Amino acid sequence: MASLLSPATPSLPQSRHSPCFFSPKPISIRQCPRFPAPSTRRPIIRCNAAPGDLRLEESNALLLILRDGFSQLQGVGAGLPEFERWGILVFAGLCWVYLTARPGVLMGAVDAYLLSPLQLGLDSLLGRRNLKMSDFVVGERLGEGSFGVVYSGAIVPKNVIIEERVGKRRTRLESDDRFKERVILKKVKVGIKGAEECGDFEEWFNYRVSRAAPETCAEFLGSFIADKTRSEFTKGGKWLVWKFEGDRDLAGYMRDRDFPLNLESVMFGRVLQGLDTIQRNALIIKQMMRQIISSLRRIHDTGI
């Protein structure tokens, strides 16, 4: 009788690393077999999964959207030659650079169709767009251009009656204790060709700068239309209003004999101690130029 020999158990090749076992229930230390100590060399793990084999969690909506968009993009370019696919990629990159470059079309569109309506709604709720002719008193004349005349002015307090300030408008407002909030008023000339368009553009320009580069120019408070003809006011004429920022400008400081030391307290709020005159002058001029260049850069980045 032929004996049935059990097939020889094939010998497993000895691995340099310990095999990994997963037990459905914990085992004691005595039941755990001993294995040789693992090698100090870390094993190299290679991932052979293809992009199509990856699975995303159904709860992650953003990853699902990105996956669907990538799949659609692959489907569009699948039937195109390699040259045309590269052409589409280069064209998309150039469009993105054109839209996002400063000043860019994209930021201008966002400002015109999103930020500007939001500012208009917010200002309307806060009453900033409800300026009236009776809210201001006109002071001395500061200058005149081709399309407008600039005056000093002040906001009329609520406890001041209109009749009380008639005849006082040409006095120096800084000597009148009733007017604390001073402003700059610009009257757009009426009947001059191009003056109305220039006034509308200047109003848009100031609102644009107040959104994109605040604190680089004088604070723009808004505009109003004169409802009657009286003194400097002409019925139907537009007036632009800015917050008064000070009596002097940089040109006035530069005409002083002690320039730039006369700007030391303005730039730093104090007198610099422990430095000689040359070092103080250098720091003052450096701070002054930093403010000018940074403000111009922010304005130019808006396309203005």
Protein backbone atom coordinates (compact mmCIF):
# COMPACT_ATOMS: atom_id res chain seq x y z
CA MET A 1 0.00 0.00 0.00
CA ALA A 2 1.41 3.16 -1.10
CA SER A 3 1.99 5.54 1.69
CA LEU A 4 0.62 9.01 1.38
CA LEU A 5 3.34 11.45 2.10
CA SER A 6 2.27 14.86 3.16
CA PRO A 7 3.79 17.50 0.99
CA ALA A 8 6.76 19.18 2.44
CA THR A 9 6.01 22.50 4.00
CA PRO A 10 7.78 25.14 1.99
CA SER A 11 10.24 27.10 4.02
CA LEU A 12 9.65 30.82 4.22
CA PRO A 13 12.57 33.06 3.50
CA GLN A 14 13.91 34.65 6.58
CA SER A 15 13.10 38.33 6.71
CA ARG A 16 15.28 40.90 8.32
CA HIS A 17 12.20 42.52 9.82
CA SER A 18 9.73 41.20 12.33
CA PRO A 19 6.38 40.16 10.91
CA CYS A 20 3.32 42.05 12.03
CA PHE A 21 0.37 40.23 13.58
CA PHE A 22 -3.06 41.60 14.36
CA SER A 23 -4.97 39.80 17.08
CA PRO A 24 -8.71 40.24 17.55
CA LYS A 25 -8.21 40.20 21.30
CA PRO A 26 -5.31 41.20 23.53
CA ILE A 27 -2.77 38.55 24.41
CA SER A 28 -0.63 38.28 27.46
CA ILE A 29 3.08 38.73 27.50
CA ARG A 30 3.60 34.99 28.07
CA GLN A 31 1.59 34.13 24.97
CA CYS A 32 3.49 36.55 22.79
CA PRO A 33 6.24 34.73 20.88
CA ARG A 34 9.69 36.13 20.86
CA PHE A 35 11.19 37.47 17.69
CA PRO A 36 14.62 38.70 16.91
CA ALA A 37 15.23 42.37 17.52
CA PRO A 38 14.29 44.54 14.57
CA SER A 39 16.98 46.07 12.48
CA THR A 40 17.93 49.67 13.13
CA ARG A 41 17.51 50.40 9.43
CA ARG A 42 14.04 51.77 8.74
CA PRO A 43 12.13 49.96 5.99
CA ILE A 44 11.31 51.83 2.81
CA ILE A 45 7.58 51.95 2.20
CA ARG A 46 6.46 52.49 -1.35
CA CYS A 47 2.98 53.54 -2.38
CA ASN A 48 1.81 51.89 -5.58
CA ALA A 49 -1.67 53.42 -5.52
CA ALA A 50 -2.79 55.31 -8.59
CA PRO A 51 -4.62 58.67 -8.32
CA GLY A 52 -7.84 56.96 -9.35
CA ASP A 53 -7.56 54.52 -6.43
CA LEU A 54 -7.70 57.29 -3.80
CA ARG A 55 -10.93 57.53 -1.86
CA LEU A 56 -12.17 60.76 -0.30
CA GLU A 57 -14.48 60.97 2.63
CA GLU A 58 -17.99 61.78 1.55
CA SER A 59 -18.31 64.33 4.35
CA ASN A 60 -15.50 66.53 2.98
CA ALA A 61 -17.37 68.66 0.46
CA LEU A 62 -14.35 70.77 -0.52
CA LEU A 63 -12.27 67.75 -1.48
CA LEU A 64 -15.17 66.34 -3.46
CA ILE A 65 -15.54 69.59 -5.38
CA LEU A 66 -11.81 69.70 -6.12
CA ARG A 67 -11.89 66.08 -7.25
CA ASP A 68 -14.84 66.69 -9.56
CA GLY A 69 -13.22 69.81 -10.99
CA PHE A 70 -9.96 67.99 -11.61
CA SER A 71 -11.82 65.12 -13.27
CA GLN A 72 -13.69 67.51 -15.56
CA LEU A 73 -10.45 69.29 -16.43
CA GLN A 74 -8.86 65.97 -17.31
CA GLY A 75 -11.90 65.06 -19.40
CA VAL A 76 -11.71 68.31 -21.37
CA GLY A 77 -8.04 67.96 -22.12
CA ALA A 78 -8.09 64.20 -22.69
CA GLY A 79 -9.01 64.44 -26.35
CA LEU A 80 -6.67 67.31 -27.15
CA PRO A 81 -3.13 67.02 -28.42
CA GLU A 82 -0.29 67.75 -26.05
CA PHE A 83 0.49 71.06 -27.75
CA GLU A 84 -3.07 72.37 -27.35
CA ARG A 85 -3.21 71.34 -23.69
CA TRP A 86 -0.04 73.30 -22.99
CA GLY A 87 -1.50 76.25 -24.88
CA ILE A 88 -4.63 76.24 -22.71
CA LEU A 89 -2.50 76.05 -19.57
CA VAL A 90 -0.31 78.98 -20.63
CA PHE A 91 -3.36 81.04 -21.62
CA ALA A 92 -5.03 80.40 -18.25
CA GLY A 93 -1.83 81.41 -16.44
CA LEU A 94 -1.52 84.65 -18.41
CA CYS A 95 -5.17 85.50 -17.70
CA TRP A 96 -4.62 84.94 -13.99
CA VAL A 97 -1.52 87.16 -13.96
CA TYR A 98 -3.39 89.89 -15.87
CA LEU A 99 -6.36 89.82 -13.51
CA THR A 100 -4.35 89.78 -10.27
CA ALA A 101 -1.48 92.13 -11.22
CA ARG A 102 -1.45 95.48 -9.42
CA PRO A 103 -3.24 97.54 -10.48
CA GLY A 104 -5.48 94.75 -11.72
CA VAL A 105 -8.83 94.34 -13.37
CA LEU A 106 -9.97 91.81 -10.78
CA MET A 107 -9.40 94.09 -7.77
CA GLY A 108 -11.03 96.99 -9.60
CA ALA A 109 -14.10 94.87 -10.33
CA VAL A 110 -14.29 93.70 -6.71
CA ASP A 111 -14.08 97.30 -5.52
CA ALA A 112 -16.65 98.62 -8.00
CA TYR A 113 -19.27 95.88 -7.67
CA LEU A 114 -18.77 94.71 -4.07
CA LEU A 115 -16.87 97.12 -1.80
CA SER A 116 -18.37 100.33 -3.18
CA PRO A 117 -22.03 99.24 -2.69
CA LEU A 118 -21.15 97.97 0.79
CA GLN A 119 -19.59 101.32 1.71
CA LEU A 120 -22.59 103.17 0.29
CA GLY A 121 -25.00 101.09 2.35
CA LEU A 122 -22.94 101.44 5.53
CA ASP A 123 -22.53 105.20 5.11
CA SER A 124 -26.24 105.58 4.45
CA LEU A 125 -27.08 103.71 7.66
CA LEU A 126 -24.64 105.84 9.67
CA GLY A 127 -25.81 109.10 8.06
CA ARG A 128 -22.49 109.92 6.38
CA ARG A 129 -24.11 110.45 2.98
CA ASN A 130 -26.76 112.83 4.31
CA LEU A 131 -24.68 116.02 4.36
CA LYS A 132 -26.56 119.28 3.80
CA MET A 133 -25.67 122.85 3.04
CA SER A 134 -26.87 123.95 6.48
CA ASP A 135 -24.36 121.62 8.18
CA PHE A 136 -21.37 123.82 7.32
CA VAL A 137 -20.16 127.36 7.66
CA VAL A 138 -17.78 128.73 5.02
CA GLY A 139 -14.63 130.52 6.16
CA GLU A 140 -11.81 132.19 4.31
CA ARG A 141 -10.85 131.36 0.77
CA LEU A 142 -7.70 129.23 0.46
CA GLY A 143 -7.22 128.83 -3.28
CA GLU A 144 -8.80 128.45 -6.69
CA GLY A 145 -8.29 126.21 -9.70
CA SER A 146 -9.81 125.80 -13.13
CA PHE A 147 -12.75 123.73 -11.89
CA GLY A 148 -13.21 124.70 -8.24
CA VAL A 149 -12.60 127.01 -5.29
CA VAL A 150 -11.30 125.81 -1.91
CA TYR A 151 -12.40 127.30 1.41
CA SER A 152 -11.77 126.63 5.05
CA GLY A 153 -14.92 125.70 6.92
CA ALA A 154 -16.42 124.16 10.01
CA ILE A 155 -19.28 121.90 11.00
CA VAL A 156 -22.14 123.83 12.55
CA PRO A 157 -22.97 122.53 16.06
CA LYS A 158 -26.55 121.61 16.77
CA ASN A 159 -26.93 124.38 19.35
CA VAL A 160 -26.02 127.12 16.84
CA ILE A 161 -28.90 128.72 14.96
CA ILE A 162 -28.39 129.49 11.27
CA GLU A 163 -29.19 133.18 11.72
CA GLU A 164 -26.42 133.48 14.32
CA ARG A 165 -23.73 132.58 11.82
CA VAL A 166 -24.95 134.74 8.93
CA GLY A 167 -22.33 137.43 8.42
CA LYS A 168 -19.75 135.44 10.41
CA ARG A 169 -18.75 133.17 7.55
CA ARG A 170 -15.81 135.32 6.45
CA THR A 171 -14.26 135.55 9.90
CA ARG A 172 -11.36 133.31 10.86
CA LEU A 173 -12.94 130.16 12.21
CA GLU A 174 -10.05 129.35 14.54
CA SER A 175 -10.90 132.47 16.54
CA ASP A 176 -14.54 131.41 16.95
CA ASP A 177 -15.01 129.09 19.91
CA ARG A 178 -18.37 127.86 18.65
CA PHE A 179 -16.88 125.88 15.77
CA LYS A 180 -14.69 123.02 17.00
CA GLU A 181 -14.76 120.62 14.04
CA ARG A 182 -12.98 122.26 11.15
CA VAL A 183 -13.19 121.03 7.56
CA ILE A 184 -11.98 121.87 4.06
CA LEU A 185 -14.69 122.71 1.52
CA LYS A 186 -14.31 122.69 -2.25
CA LYS A 187 -16.94 124.30 -4.45
CA VAL A 188 -17.21 122.81 -7.92
CA LYS A 189 -17.68 125.66 -10.37
CA VAL A 190 -21.04 125.85 -12.12
CA GLY A 191 -21.24 126.57 -15.85
CA ILE A 192 -17.60 125.68 -16.58
CA LYS A 193 -17.14 122.97 -19.20
CA GLY A 194 -15.69 119.85 -17.63
CA ALA A 195 -16.04 121.10 -14.04
CA GLU A 196 -18.98 118.85 -13.18
CA GLU A 197 -17.28 115.76 -14.61
CA CYS A 198 -14.06 116.61 -12.75
CA GLY A 199 -16.01 116.99 -9.49
CA ASP A 200 -17.70 113.61 -9.95
CA PHE A 201 -14.35 111.94 -10.67
CA GLU A 202 -12.73 113.60 -7.66
CA GLU A 203 -15.53 112.33 -5.44
CA TRP A 204 -15.09 108.77 -6.79
CA PHE A 205 -11.32 109.09 -6.43
CA ASN A 206 -11.56 110.02 -2.74
CA TYR A 207 -14.00 107.23 -1.93
CA ARG A 208 -11.75 104.76 -3.77
CA VAL A 209 -8.67 105.87 -1.82
CA SER A 210 -10.57 105.74 1.48
CA ARG A 211 -11.34 102.06 0.81
CA ALA A 212 -8.07 100.88 -0.72
CA ALA A 213 -5.47 103.07 0.99
CA PRO A 214 -6.87 104.70 4.14
CA GLU A 215 -4.77 107.20 6.09
CA THR A 216 -2.72 108.10 3.00
CA CYS A 217 -4.76 111.23 2.22
CA ALA A 218 -6.98 113.60 4.15
CA GLU A 219 -10.15 111.90 5.38
CA PHE A 220 -12.96 112.44 2.89
CA LEU A 221 -16.29 113.16 4.60
CA GLY A 222 -18.53 113.26 1.52
CA SER A 223 -20.34 115.77 -0.65
CA PHE A 224 -23.58 117.73 -0.79
CA ILE A 225 -25.60 119.78 -3.27
CA ALA A 226 -26.49 123.37 -2.41
CA ASP A 227 -30.26 123.75 -2.18
CA LYS A 228 -30.32 127.55 -2.51
CA THR A 229 -28.23 130.44 -3.77
CA ARG A 230 -26.64 132.43 -0.96
CA SER A 231 -23.22 134.00 -0.60
CA GLU A 232 -20.69 131.41 -1.89
CA PHE A 233 -23.41 128.82 -2.44
CA THR A 234 -25.04 128.39 -5.84
CA LYS A 235 -28.20 126.33 -6.11
CA GLY A 236 -27.43 122.95 -7.67
CA GLY A 237 -23.67 123.28 -7.18
CA LYS A 238 -21.68 120.39 -5.70
CA TRP A 239 -19.43 120.78 -2.67
CA LEU A 240 -16.78 118.29 -1.51
CA VAL A 241 -15.84 118.03 2.17
CA TRP A 242 -12.61 116.83 3.83
CA LYS A 243 -11.56 116.68 7.44
CA PHE A 244 -9.14 119.46 8.40
CA GLU A 245 -5.72 117.87 8.99
CA GLY A 246 -3.62 120.89 10.02
CA ASP A 247 -2.53 124.40 9.14
CA ARG A 248 0.84 123.46 7.67
CA ASP A 249 2.10 121.15 4.94
CA LEU A 250 5.52 119.69 4.18
CA ALA A 251 6.47 122.62 1.96
CA GLY A 252 5.82 125.00 4.84
CA TYR A 253 8.04 122.99 7.18
CA MET A 254 10.81 122.85 4.58
CA ARG A 255 10.88 126.64 4.30
CA ASP A 256 11.80 126.98 7.98
CA ARG A 257 15.44 127.52 8.90
CA ASP A 258 15.44 124.67 11.44
CA PHE A 259 14.24 122.00 8.97
CA PRO A 260 14.24 119.01 9.48
CA LEU A 261 14.48 119.37 13.27
CA ASN A 262 11.11 121.14 13.27
CA LEU A 263 9.54 117.80 12.23
CA GLU A 264 11.12 115.80 15.04
CA SER A 265 8.14 115.98 17.40
CA VAL A 266 5.73 115.47 14.48
CA MET A 267 7.48 112.31 13.25
CA PHE A 268 8.35 110.70 16.59
CA GLY A 269 6.17 112.51 19.13
CA ARG A 270 9.23 113.41 21.21
CA VAL A 271 12.74 114.81 21.03
CA LEU A 272 15.36 112.18 20.27
CA GLN A 273 17.87 111.91 23.10
CA GLY A 274 21.49 110.77 23.05
CA LEU A 275 22.09 111.56 19.37
CA ASP A 276 24.01 114.31 17.67
CA THR A 277 22.44 116.69 15.16
CA ILE A 278 23.54 114.75 12.07
CA GLN A 279 22.05 111.50 13.35
CA ARG A 280 18.80 113.20 14.34
CA ASN A 281 18.49 114.84 10.92
CA ALA A 282 19.10 111.51 9.18
CA LEU A 283 16.45 109.70 11.25
CA ILE A 284 13.87 112.44 10.69
CA ILE A 285 14.38 112.50 6.92
CA LYS A 286 14.36 108.70 6.77
CA GLN A 287 11.05 108.53 8.64
CA MET A 288 9.58 111.29 6.47
CA MET A 289 10.56 109.57 3.21
CA ARG A 290 9.29 106.21 4.48
CA GLN A 291 5.84 107.68 5.05
CA ILE A 292 5.77 109.40 1.65
CA ILE A 293 6.95 106.36 -0.33
CA SER A 294 4.70 103.89 1.50
CA SER A 295 1.65 106.14 0.97
CA LEU A 296 2.42 106.60 -2.73
CA ARG A 297 2.92 102.87 -3.15
CA ARG A 298 -0.46 102.07 -1.60
CA ILE A 299 -2.18 104.64 -3.80
CA HIS A 300 -0.44 103.44 -6.97
CA ASP A 301 -1.34 99.83 -6.18
CA THR A 302 -4.99 100.81 -6.57
CA GLY A 303 -4.37 101.99 -10.13
CA ILE A 304 -4.54 105.68 -9.31
